[in-house]
Amino acid sequence: MCPYFSLSYGENDIFGRLIVQEMKVCFPEENKIIKLQLN
């Protein structure tokens, strides 16, 4: 079973409300280091 990392980000819908989306990403290789950047 691979480790899960929970990613959350916000979006605005057409009515201007803030929608929070949550996404779980599975990394099958434990020894791989992945850096995620939001610019």
N, C-alpha and C. Protein backbone atom coordinates (compact mmCIF):
# COMPACT_ATOMS: atom_id res chain seq x y z
N MET A 1 0.85 -1.20 0.00
CA MET A 1 0.00 0.00 0.00
C MET A 1 0.88 1.25 0.00
N CYS A 2 0.66 2.09 -0.96
CA CYS A 2 1.52 3.26 -1.11
C CYS A 2 1.02 4.42 -0.25
N PRO A 3 1.92 5.30 0.12
CA PRO A 3 1.53 6.45 0.95
C PRO A 3 0.65 7.44 0.18
N TYR A 4 -0.28 8.04 0.88
CA TYR A 4 -1.16 9.02 0.26
C TYR A 4 -0.85 10.41 0.78
N PHE A 5 -0.86 11.36 -0.12
CA PHE A 5 -0.69 12.76 0.27
C PHE A 5 -1.96 13.51 -0.11
N SER A 6 -2.48 14.24 0.84
CA SER A 6 -3.70 14.99 0.58
C SER A 6 -3.37 16.39 0.09
N LEU A 7 -3.88 16.74 -1.08
CA LEU A 7 -3.66 18.06 -1.65
C LEU A 7 -4.97 18.82 -1.65
N SER A 8 -4.91 20.07 -1.21
CA SER A 8 -6.12 20.88 -1.22
C SER A 8 -5.83 22.22 -1.90
N TYR A 9 -6.79 22.69 -2.68
CA TYR A 9 -6.65 23.98 -3.33
C TYR A 9 -8.01 24.63 -3.45
N GLY A 10 -8.02 25.91 -3.62
CA GLY A 10 -9.28 26.63 -3.67
C GLY A 10 -9.58 27.19 -5.04
N GLU A 11 -10.85 27.18 -5.39
CA GLU A 11 -11.29 27.78 -6.65
C GLU A 11 -12.54 28.62 -6.40
N ASN A 12 -12.76 29.57 -7.29
CA ASN A 12 -13.98 30.35 -7.22
C ASN A 12 -14.92 29.90 -8.33
N ASP A 13 -16.17 29.65 -7.95
CA ASP A 13 -17.13 29.26 -8.98
C ASP A 13 -17.71 30.50 -9.64
N ILE A 14 -18.71 30.31 -10.49
CA ILE A 14 -19.26 31.43 -11.25
C ILE A 14 -20.01 32.43 -10.37
N PHE A 15 -20.34 32.02 -9.14
CA PHE A 15 -21.05 32.91 -8.24
C PHE A 15 -20.10 33.59 -7.27
N GLY A 16 -18.80 33.34 -7.41
CA GLY A 16 -17.82 34.00 -6.56
C GLY A 16 -17.60 33.30 -5.23
N ARG A 17 -18.18 32.12 -5.06
CA ARG A 17 -17.98 31.39 -3.81
C ARG A 17 -16.69 30.59 -3.89
N LEU A 18 -16.09 30.41 -2.74
CA LEU A 18 -14.83 29.66 -2.70
C LEU A 18 -15.10 28.17 -2.59
N ILE A 19 -14.64 27.43 -3.57
CA ILE A 19 -14.82 25.98 -3.58
C ILE A 19 -13.48 25.33 -3.26
N VAL A 20 -13.46 24.52 -2.23
CA VAL A 20 -12.23 23.85 -1.84
C VAL A 20 -12.25 22.42 -2.38
N GLN A 21 -11.29 22.13 -3.23
CA GLN A 21 -11.18 20.80 -3.80
C GLN A 21 -10.08 20.03 -3.08
N GLU A 22 -10.34 18.80 -2.73
CA GLU A 22 -9.34 17.98 -2.08
C GLU A 22 -9.03 16.76 -2.95
N MET A 23 -7.76 16.50 -3.12
CA MET A 23 -7.36 15.42 -4.00
C MET A 23 -6.30 14.57 -3.32
N LYS A 24 -6.49 13.25 -3.36
CA LYS A 24 -5.49 12.36 -2.78
C LYS A 24 -4.64 11.77 -3.89
N VAL A 25 -3.34 11.92 -3.74
CA VAL A 25 -2.41 11.45 -4.77
C VAL A 25 -1.61 10.29 -4.22
N CYS A 26 -1.54 9.23 -5.01
CA CYS A 26 -0.82 8.04 -4.57
C CYS A 26 0.55 7.98 -5.24
N PHE A 27 1.59 7.83 -4.42
CA PHE A 27 2.94 7.66 -4.93
C PHE A 27 3.39 6.23 -4.66
N PRO A 28 3.42 5.39 -5.68
CA PRO A 28 3.75 3.98 -5.48
C PRO A 28 5.19 3.75 -5.06
N GLU A 29 6.09 4.65 -5.44
CA GLU A 29 7.48 4.47 -5.07
C GLU A 29 7.78 5.31 -3.84
N GLU A 30 8.11 4.63 -2.73
CA GLU A 30 8.31 5.34 -1.47
C GLU A 30 9.61 6.14 -1.47
N ASN A 31 10.63 5.66 -2.20
CA ASN A 31 11.92 6.33 -2.15
C ASN A 31 12.02 7.49 -3.13
N LYS A 32 10.93 7.80 -3.80
CA LYS A 32 10.95 8.92 -4.75
C LYS A 32 10.47 10.19 -4.06
N ILE A 33 11.28 11.22 -4.15
CA ILE A 33 10.93 12.49 -3.54
C ILE A 33 10.31 13.41 -4.59
N ILE A 34 9.09 13.82 -4.34
CA ILE A 34 8.39 14.68 -5.29
C ILE A 34 8.07 16.02 -4.62
N LYS A 35 8.53 17.07 -5.25
CA LYS A 35 8.24 18.41 -4.72
C LYS A 35 7.12 19.04 -5.53
N LEU A 36 6.11 19.50 -4.84
CA LEU A 36 4.99 20.16 -5.50
C LEU A 36 5.02 21.64 -5.17
N GLN A 37 5.03 22.47 -6.19
CA GLN A 37 5.06 23.91 -5.98
C GLN A 37 3.86 24.57 -6.63
N LEU A 38 3.32 25.54 -5.94
CA LEU A 38 2.26 26.36 -6.52
C LEU A 38 2.82 27.75 -6.74
N ASN A 39 2.87 28.17 -7.99
CA ASN A 39 3.44 29.49 -8.30
C ASN A 39 2.32 30.52 -8.40
